[in-house]
Amino acid sequence: MTSTPTPPDVAAELRRLLTNSHAPYSGVHVAAAVQSPDGQIHYGVNVENAAYPEGVCAEASAISAALTQGQRHFKRVWVTSSLPDLIWPCGGCRQKIWEFADPGCEVISVGADGRSQSHTIEALLPLGFRLEPGPR
């Protein structure tokens, strides 16, 4: 675990996007961003649904936004929420990130107070898998 500074513009955009999240059931608003190797950043928010398991996590939303723009590799992921402490992607989102993560992809949790912590996706999902053989 390391402390990785989050660019101020990314942190500000994540905080701004929390208001776009749709979380009437849990009340927990989440925003995420994924960064491709060329520096492009794609954002997403959580979208809950009355059929509760049918919602979309913020990380999955950001990944979908990146894929829509043709990005297939990520070097960094940020996540923040309306909760006072740091949060981390759920297990399903860790696997979704793994699918497109470059080796050593950083997953950074940004707290409401601006502090952040970082782990590699390999540390967060030590036994993640891909159908393709070999390292990326």
N, C-alpha and C. Protein backbone atom coordinates (compact mmCIF):
# COMPACT_ATOMS: atom_id res chain seq x y z
N MET A 1 0.84 -1.17 0.00
CA MET A 1 0.00 0.00 0.00
C MET A 1 0.89 1.24 0.00
N THR A 2 0.55 2.19 -0.83
CA THR A 2 1.27 3.44 -0.88
C THR A 2 0.27 4.59 -0.86
N SER A 3 0.78 5.76 -0.60
CA SER A 3 -0.04 6.97 -0.73
C SER A 3 0.34 7.64 -2.02
N THR A 4 -0.58 7.70 -2.94
CA THR A 4 -0.34 8.29 -4.25
C THR A 4 -1.13 9.58 -4.36
N PRO A 5 -0.47 10.69 -4.64
CA PRO A 5 -1.24 11.92 -4.79
C PRO A 5 -2.15 11.84 -6.02
N THR A 6 -3.36 12.27 -5.86
CA THR A 6 -4.32 12.30 -6.96
C THR A 6 -4.27 13.68 -7.58
N PRO A 7 -4.18 13.77 -8.92
CA PRO A 7 -4.18 15.10 -9.55
C PRO A 7 -5.41 15.89 -9.10
N PRO A 8 -5.22 17.15 -8.74
CA PRO A 8 -6.34 17.95 -8.23
C PRO A 8 -7.53 18.00 -9.18
N ASP A 9 -7.29 18.03 -10.49
CA ASP A 9 -8.40 18.10 -11.43
C ASP A 9 -9.20 16.79 -11.44
N VAL A 10 -8.53 15.67 -11.27
CA VAL A 10 -9.22 14.37 -11.20
C VAL A 10 -10.03 14.29 -9.91
N ALA A 11 -9.44 14.65 -8.79
CA ALA A 11 -10.15 14.63 -7.51
C ALA A 11 -11.38 15.53 -7.56
N ALA A 12 -11.24 16.72 -8.13
CA ALA A 12 -12.36 17.66 -8.21
C ALA A 12 -13.48 17.12 -9.09
N GLU A 13 -13.12 16.51 -10.20
CA GLU A 13 -14.13 15.95 -11.10
C GLU A 13 -14.84 14.77 -10.45
N LEU A 14 -14.11 13.92 -9.76
CA LEU A 14 -14.74 12.81 -9.05
C LEU A 14 -15.75 13.33 -8.02
N ARG A 15 -15.35 14.33 -7.24
CA ARG A 15 -16.25 14.89 -6.22
C ARG A 15 -17.48 15.51 -6.89
N ARG A 16 -17.28 16.21 -8.01
CA ARG A 16 -18.39 16.84 -8.72
C ARG A 16 -19.37 15.78 -9.24
N LEU A 17 -18.83 14.69 -9.76
CA LEU A 17 -19.67 13.66 -10.35
C LEU A 17 -20.48 12.87 -9.34
N LEU A 18 -20.11 12.92 -8.06
CA LEU A 18 -20.89 12.22 -7.05
C LEU A 18 -22.36 12.64 -7.10
N THR A 19 -22.61 13.89 -7.45
CA THR A 19 -24.00 14.37 -7.51
C THR A 19 -24.77 13.77 -8.68
N ASN A 20 -24.07 13.22 -9.67
CA ASN A 20 -24.73 12.59 -10.81
C ASN A 20 -25.06 11.13 -10.56
N SER A 21 -24.51 10.56 -9.51
CA SER A 21 -24.77 9.16 -9.18
C SER A 21 -26.24 8.98 -8.81
N HIS A 22 -26.76 7.79 -9.05
CA HIS A 22 -28.15 7.47 -8.72
C HIS A 22 -28.13 6.40 -7.64
N ALA A 23 -28.28 6.82 -6.38
CA ALA A 23 -28.15 5.90 -5.24
C ALA A 23 -29.29 6.07 -4.24
N PRO A 24 -30.55 5.97 -4.71
CA PRO A 24 -31.67 6.19 -3.79
C PRO A 24 -31.87 5.07 -2.77
N TYR A 25 -31.26 3.92 -2.97
CA TYR A 25 -31.50 2.77 -2.09
C TYR A 25 -30.43 2.67 -1.01
N SER A 26 -29.18 2.77 -1.38
CA SER A 26 -28.10 2.67 -0.38
C SER A 26 -27.73 4.04 0.18
N GLY A 27 -27.94 5.10 -0.62
CA GLY A 27 -27.52 6.42 -0.21
C GLY A 27 -26.02 6.65 -0.35
N VAL A 28 -25.31 5.68 -0.89
CA VAL A 28 -23.86 5.79 -1.07
C VAL A 28 -23.58 6.15 -2.53
N HIS A 29 -23.11 7.35 -2.75
CA HIS A 29 -22.79 7.84 -4.08
C HIS A 29 -21.31 7.55 -4.36
N VAL A 30 -21.05 6.99 -5.54
CA VAL A 30 -19.69 6.60 -5.90
C VAL A 30 -19.37 7.13 -7.28
N ALA A 31 -18.14 7.62 -7.45
CA ALA A 31 -17.63 8.04 -8.75
C ALA A 31 -16.28 7.36 -8.96
N ALA A 32 -15.98 7.04 -10.20
CA ALA A 32 -14.72 6.38 -10.53
C ALA A 32 -14.19 6.93 -11.83
N ALA A 33 -12.91 6.72 -12.04
CA ALA A 33 -12.26 7.11 -13.29
C ALA A 33 -11.23 6.05 -13.65
N VAL A 34 -11.07 5.81 -14.94
CA VAL A 34 -10.02 4.94 -15.43
C VAL A 34 -9.14 5.75 -16.38
N GLN A 35 -7.85 5.50 -16.32
CA GLN A 35 -6.90 6.22 -17.17
C GLN A 35 -6.21 5.22 -18.09
N SER A 36 -6.23 5.52 -19.37
CA SER A 36 -5.56 4.67 -20.36
C SER A 36 -4.09 5.07 -20.44
N PRO A 37 -3.25 4.23 -21.02
CA PRO A 37 -1.82 4.54 -21.10
C PRO A 37 -1.50 5.86 -21.80
N ASP A 38 -2.39 6.31 -22.70
CA ASP A 38 -2.14 7.58 -23.39
C ASP A 38 -2.58 8.79 -22.57
N GLY A 39 -3.07 8.56 -21.35
CA GLY A 39 -3.44 9.66 -20.46
C GLY A 39 -4.91 10.01 -20.46
N GLN A 40 -5.69 9.47 -21.38
CA GLN A 40 -7.12 9.77 -21.40
C GLN A 40 -7.77 9.24 -20.12
N ILE A 41 -8.69 10.04 -19.58
CA ILE A 41 -9.40 9.66 -18.37
C ILE A 41 -10.89 9.59 -18.69
N HIS A 42 -11.51 8.49 -18.27
CA HIS A 42 -12.93 8.26 -18.49
C HIS A 42 -13.60 8.08 -17.14
N TYR A 43 -14.74 8.73 -16.95
CA TYR A 43 -15.41 8.76 -15.66
C TYR A 43 -16.71 7.98 -15.69
N GLY A 44 -17.14 7.56 -14.51
CA GLY A 44 -18.42 6.89 -14.36
C GLY A 44 -18.94 7.06 -12.95
N VAL A 45 -20.23 6.81 -12.76
CA VAL A 45 -20.87 6.86 -11.45
C VAL A 45 -21.71 5.61 -11.25
N ASN A 46 -22.03 5.32 -9.98
CA ASN A 46 -22.90 4.18 -9.72
C ASN A 46 -24.34 4.53 -10.07
N VAL A 47 -25.06 3.52 -10.53
CA VAL A 47 -26.46 3.68 -10.91
C VAL A 47 -27.22 2.51 -10.29
N GLU A 48 -27.90 2.79 -9.18
CA GLU A 48 -28.68 1.74 -8.53
C GLU A 48 -30.01 1.56 -9.24
N ASN A 49 -30.64 0.42 -8.96
CA ASN A 49 -31.89 0.07 -9.61
C ASN A 49 -32.80 -0.57 -8.57
N ALA A 50 -34.10 -0.41 -8.72
CA ALA A 50 -35.04 -1.02 -7.78
C ALA A 50 -34.88 -2.54 -7.75
N ALA A 51 -34.49 -3.13 -8.87
CA ALA A 51 -34.11 -4.55 -8.89
C ALA A 51 -32.64 -4.55 -8.48
N TYR A 52 -32.42 -4.45 -7.16
CA TYR A 52 -31.12 -4.09 -6.58
C TYR A 52 -29.88 -4.70 -7.23
N PRO A 53 -29.83 -5.97 -7.52
CA PRO A 53 -28.56 -6.47 -8.10
C PRO A 53 -28.34 -6.02 -9.54
N GLU A 54 -29.30 -5.35 -10.13
CA GLU A 54 -29.16 -4.93 -11.52
C GLU A 54 -28.51 -3.56 -11.68
N GLY A 55 -28.06 -2.96 -10.61
CA GLY A 55 -27.39 -1.66 -10.70
C GLY A 55 -26.02 -1.80 -11.34
N VAL A 56 -25.38 -0.66 -11.53
CA VAL A 56 -24.05 -0.60 -12.14
C VAL A 56 -23.12 0.13 -11.19
N CYS A 57 -22.00 -0.49 -10.87
CA CYS A 57 -20.99 0.17 -10.04
C CYS A 57 -20.31 1.28 -10.83
N ALA A 58 -19.78 2.26 -10.12
CA ALA A 58 -19.09 3.38 -10.77
C ALA A 58 -17.90 2.91 -11.59
N GLU A 59 -17.16 1.91 -11.08
CA GLU A 59 -16.00 1.41 -11.81
C GLU A 59 -16.42 0.79 -13.13
N ALA A 60 -17.51 0.00 -13.11
CA ALA A 60 -18.01 -0.61 -14.34
C ALA A 60 -18.49 0.46 -15.31
N SER A 61 -19.10 1.51 -14.77
CA SER A 61 -19.57 2.62 -15.61
C SER A 61 -18.39 3.32 -16.29
N ALA A 62 -17.32 3.57 -15.54
CA ALA A 62 -16.12 4.21 -16.11
C ALA A 62 -15.45 3.31 -17.15
N ILE A 63 -15.38 2.02 -16.85
CA ILE A 63 -14.80 1.07 -17.81
C ILE A 63 -15.62 1.07 -19.10
N SER A 64 -16.94 1.07 -18.98
CA SER A 64 -17.80 1.11 -20.17
C SER A 64 -17.58 2.38 -20.98
N ALA A 65 -17.43 3.51 -20.28
CA ALA A 65 -17.17 4.77 -20.98
C ALA A 65 -15.85 4.69 -21.75
N ALA A 66 -14.82 4.11 -21.14
CA ALA A 66 -13.53 3.98 -21.82
C ALA A 66 -13.63 3.05 -23.02
N LEU A 67 -14.30 1.92 -22.85
CA LEU A 67 -14.44 0.98 -23.95
C LEU A 67 -15.22 1.58 -25.10
N THR A 68 -16.23 2.39 -24.77
CA THR A 68 -17.01 3.07 -25.80
C THR A 68 -16.13 3.96 -26.66
N GLN A 69 -15.08 4.52 -26.07
CA GLN A 69 -14.14 5.39 -26.78
C GLN A 69 -12.97 4.60 -27.38
N GLY A 70 -13.02 3.27 -27.33
CA GLY A 70 -11.99 2.45 -27.96
C GLY A 70 -10.80 2.12 -27.09
N GLN A 71 -10.82 2.49 -25.82
CA GLN A 71 -9.71 2.17 -24.92
C GLN A 71 -9.86 0.76 -24.39
N ARG A 72 -8.78 -0.01 -24.38
CA ARG A 72 -8.82 -1.39 -23.94
C ARG A 72 -7.80 -1.72 -22.86
N HIS A 73 -7.01 -0.74 -22.45
CA HIS A 73 -5.98 -0.94 -21.43
C HIS A 73 -6.03 0.21 -20.44
N PHE A 74 -5.83 -0.11 -19.16
CA PHE A 74 -5.83 0.92 -18.13
C PHE A 74 -4.56 0.84 -17.31
N LYS A 75 -4.04 2.01 -16.96
CA LYS A 75 -2.86 2.05 -16.09
C LYS A 75 -3.20 2.56 -14.70
N ARG A 76 -4.38 3.15 -14.54
CA ARG A 76 -4.74 3.73 -13.25
C ARG A 76 -6.27 3.79 -13.14
N VAL A 77 -6.76 3.58 -11.92
CA VAL A 77 -8.18 3.67 -11.61
C VAL A 77 -8.32 4.46 -10.31
N TRP A 78 -9.25 5.39 -10.29
CA TRP A 78 -9.55 6.13 -9.06
C TRP A 78 -10.98 5.83 -8.66
N VAL A 79 -11.24 5.84 -7.36
CA VAL A 79 -12.60 5.67 -6.86
C VAL A 79 -12.78 6.53 -5.60
N THR A 80 -13.95 7.15 -5.50
CA THR A 80 -14.30 7.95 -4.32
C THR A 80 -15.78 7.76 -4.04
N SER A 81 -16.20 8.16 -2.85
CA SER A 81 -17.62 8.02 -2.52
C SER A 81 -18.06 9.14 -1.58
N SER A 82 -19.35 9.10 -1.26
CA SER A 82 -19.91 10.07 -0.32
C SER A 82 -19.65 9.65 1.13
N LEU A 83 -19.05 8.48 1.33
CA LEU A 83 -18.72 8.04 2.68
C LEU A 83 -17.51 8.80 3.21
N PRO A 84 -17.34 8.90 4.52
CA PRO A 84 -16.22 9.68 5.06
C PRO A 84 -14.85 9.00 4.93
N ASP A 85 -14.81 7.69 4.73
CA ASP A 85 -13.53 6.99 4.68
C ASP A 85 -13.23 6.52 3.25
N LEU A 86 -12.05 5.96 3.07
CA LEU A 86 -11.67 5.41 1.78
C LEU A 86 -12.53 4.20 1.45
N ILE A 87 -12.79 4.00 0.17
CA ILE A 87 -13.50 2.79 -0.28
C ILE A 87 -12.66 2.12 -1.35
N TRP A 88 -12.96 0.87 -1.61
CA TRP A 88 -12.24 0.09 -2.62
C TRP A 88 -13.25 -0.61 -3.51
N PRO A 89 -12.89 -0.93 -4.74
CA PRO A 89 -13.82 -1.63 -5.63
C PRO A 89 -14.27 -2.96 -5.02
N CYS A 90 -15.51 -3.33 -5.31
CA CYS A 90 -16.02 -4.63 -4.89
C CYS A 90 -15.28 -5.72 -5.67
N GLY A 91 -15.50 -6.96 -5.27
CA GLY A 91 -14.81 -8.08 -5.94
C GLY A 91 -15.12 -8.15 -7.42
N GLY A 92 -16.37 -7.95 -7.79
CA GLY A 92 -16.73 -8.00 -9.21
C GLY A 92 -16.03 -6.92 -10.01
N CYS A 93 -15.93 -5.73 -9.44
CA CYS A 93 -15.24 -4.64 -10.15
C CYS A 93 -13.74 -4.87 -10.20
N ARG A 94 -13.18 -5.49 -9.18
CA ARG A 94 -11.75 -5.83 -9.23
C ARG A 94 -11.48 -6.74 -10.42
N GLN A 95 -12.36 -7.71 -10.64
CA GLN A 95 -12.18 -8.59 -11.80
C GLN A 95 -12.40 -7.82 -13.10
N LYS A 96 -13.35 -6.90 -13.14
CA LYS A 96 -13.57 -6.09 -14.35
C LYS A 96 -12.34 -5.24 -14.65
N ILE A 97 -11.75 -4.66 -13.62
CA ILE A 97 -10.52 -3.87 -13.80
C ILE A 97 -9.42 -4.78 -14.31
N TRP A 98 -9.27 -5.95 -13.68
CA TRP A 98 -8.22 -6.91 -14.06
C TRP A 98 -8.27 -7.24 -15.55
N GLU A 99 -9.47 -7.36 -16.08
CA GLU A 99 -9.67 -7.72 -17.49
C GLU A 99 -8.91 -6.78 -18.43
N PHE A 100 -8.81 -5.51 -18.05
CA PHE A 100 -8.21 -4.50 -18.93
C PHE A 100 -6.96 -3.84 -18.36
N ALA A 101 -6.57 -4.23 -17.16
CA ALA A 101 -5.44 -3.58 -16.48
C ALA A 101 -4.11 -3.96 -17.08
N ASP A 102 -3.27 -2.97 -17.27
CA ASP A 102 -1.88 -3.24 -17.60
C ASP A 102 -1.20 -3.73 -16.32
N PRO A 103 -0.11 -4.47 -16.43
CA PRO A 103 0.60 -4.91 -15.22
C PRO A 103 0.93 -3.71 -14.32
N GLY A 104 0.68 -3.87 -13.03
CA GLY A 104 0.97 -2.79 -12.09
C GLY A 104 -0.05 -1.69 -12.06
N CYS A 105 -1.20 -1.89 -12.71
CA CYS A 105 -2.25 -0.87 -12.72
C CYS A 105 -2.56 -0.44 -11.29
N GLU A 106 -2.50 0.86 -11.04
CA GLU A 106 -2.80 1.40 -9.71
C GLU A 106 -4.30 1.57 -9.53
N VAL A 107 -4.79 1.17 -8.38
CA VAL A 107 -6.16 1.45 -7.99
C VAL A 107 -6.05 2.36 -6.79
N ILE A 108 -6.60 3.57 -6.93
CA ILE A 108 -6.41 4.62 -5.94
C ILE A 108 -7.77 4.99 -5.34
N SER A 109 -7.85 4.92 -4.03
CA SER A 109 -9.04 5.36 -3.32
C SER A 109 -8.79 6.79 -2.84
N VAL A 110 -9.73 7.68 -3.14
CA VAL A 110 -9.62 9.09 -2.78
C VAL A 110 -10.66 9.40 -1.71
N GLY A 111 -10.20 9.82 -0.55
CA GLY A 111 -11.10 10.13 0.55
C GLY A 111 -11.72 11.51 0.43
N ALA A 112 -12.79 11.72 1.18
CA ALA A 112 -13.47 13.01 1.18
C ALA A 112 -12.55 14.13 1.63
N ASP A 113 -11.54 13.79 2.45
CA ASP A 113 -10.60 14.79 2.95
C ASP A 113 -9.43 15.02 1.98
N GLY A 114 -9.45 14.36 0.82
CA GLY A 114 -8.41 14.56 -0.18
C GLY A 114 -7.26 13.58 -0.09
N ARG A 115 -7.15 12.85 1.01
CA ARG A 115 -6.05 11.88 1.09
C ARG A 115 -6.36 10.70 0.18
N SER A 116 -5.33 9.98 -0.21
CA SER A 116 -5.54 8.83 -1.06
C SER A 116 -4.58 7.71 -0.71
N GLN A 117 -4.97 6.51 -1.07
CA GLN A 117 -4.13 5.33 -0.93
C GLN A 117 -4.18 4.58 -2.24
N SER A 118 -3.10 3.86 -2.51
CA SER A 118 -3.01 3.14 -3.77
C SER A 118 -2.56 1.70 -3.53
N HIS A 119 -3.13 0.79 -4.29
CA HIS A 119 -2.69 -0.60 -4.34
C HIS A 119 -2.67 -0.99 -5.82
N THR A 120 -1.83 -1.92 -6.18
CA THR A 120 -1.90 -2.45 -7.55
C THR A 120 -3.10 -3.37 -7.64
N ILE A 121 -3.58 -3.57 -8.85
CA ILE A 121 -4.70 -4.49 -9.02
C ILE A 121 -4.28 -5.90 -8.63
N GLU A 122 -3.00 -6.23 -8.82
CA GLU A 122 -2.52 -7.55 -8.43
C GLU A 122 -2.61 -7.76 -6.92
N ALA A 123 -2.40 -6.69 -6.13
CA ALA A 123 -2.53 -6.79 -4.68
C ALA A 123 -3.99 -6.91 -4.26
N LEU A 124 -4.89 -6.21 -4.97
CA LEU A 124 -6.30 -6.25 -4.63
C LEU A 124 -6.99 -7.52 -5.11
N LEU A 125 -6.45 -8.13 -6.17
CA LEU A 125 -7.05 -9.35 -6.72
C LEU A 125 -5.93 -10.33 -7.08
N PRO A 126 -5.33 -10.94 -6.06
CA PRO A 126 -4.13 -11.75 -6.30
C PRO A 126 -4.32 -12.95 -7.23
N LEU A 127 -5.52 -13.44 -7.36
CA LEU A 127 -5.74 -14.60 -8.21
C LEU A 127 -6.71 -14.28 -9.35
N GLY A 128 -6.67 -13.05 -9.82
CA GLY A 128 -7.51 -12.67 -10.95
C GLY A 128 -7.14 -13.48 -12.18
N PHE A 129 -8.05 -13.58 -13.12
CA PHE A 129 -7.76 -14.39 -14.30
C PHE A 129 -8.25 -13.71 -15.57
N ARG A 130 -7.62 -14.10 -16.66
CA ARG A 130 -8.01 -13.70 -18.01
C ARG A 130 -8.07 -14.97 -18.85
N LEU A 131 -8.85 -14.96 -19.87
CA LEU A 131 -8.93 -16.11 -20.76
C LEU A 131 -7.73 -16.18 -21.69
N GLU A 132 -7.09 -15.04 -21.92
CA GLU A 132 -5.92 -15.02 -22.79
C GLU A 132 -4.70 -15.49 -22.02
N PRO A 133 -3.79 -16.22 -22.65
CA PRO A 133 -2.61 -16.72 -21.94
C PRO A 133 -1.55 -15.63 -21.73
N GLY A 134 -0.78 -15.79 -20.68
CA GLY A 134 0.39 -14.96 -20.45
C GLY A 134 0.08 -13.57 -19.93
N PRO A 135 1.14 -12.88 -19.47
CA PRO A 135 0.98 -11.51 -18.96
C PRO A 135 0.68 -10.55 -20.09
N ARG A 136 0.10 -9.46 -19.74
CA ARG A 136 -0.21 -8.40 -20.70
C ARG A 136 1.02 -7.71 -21.18
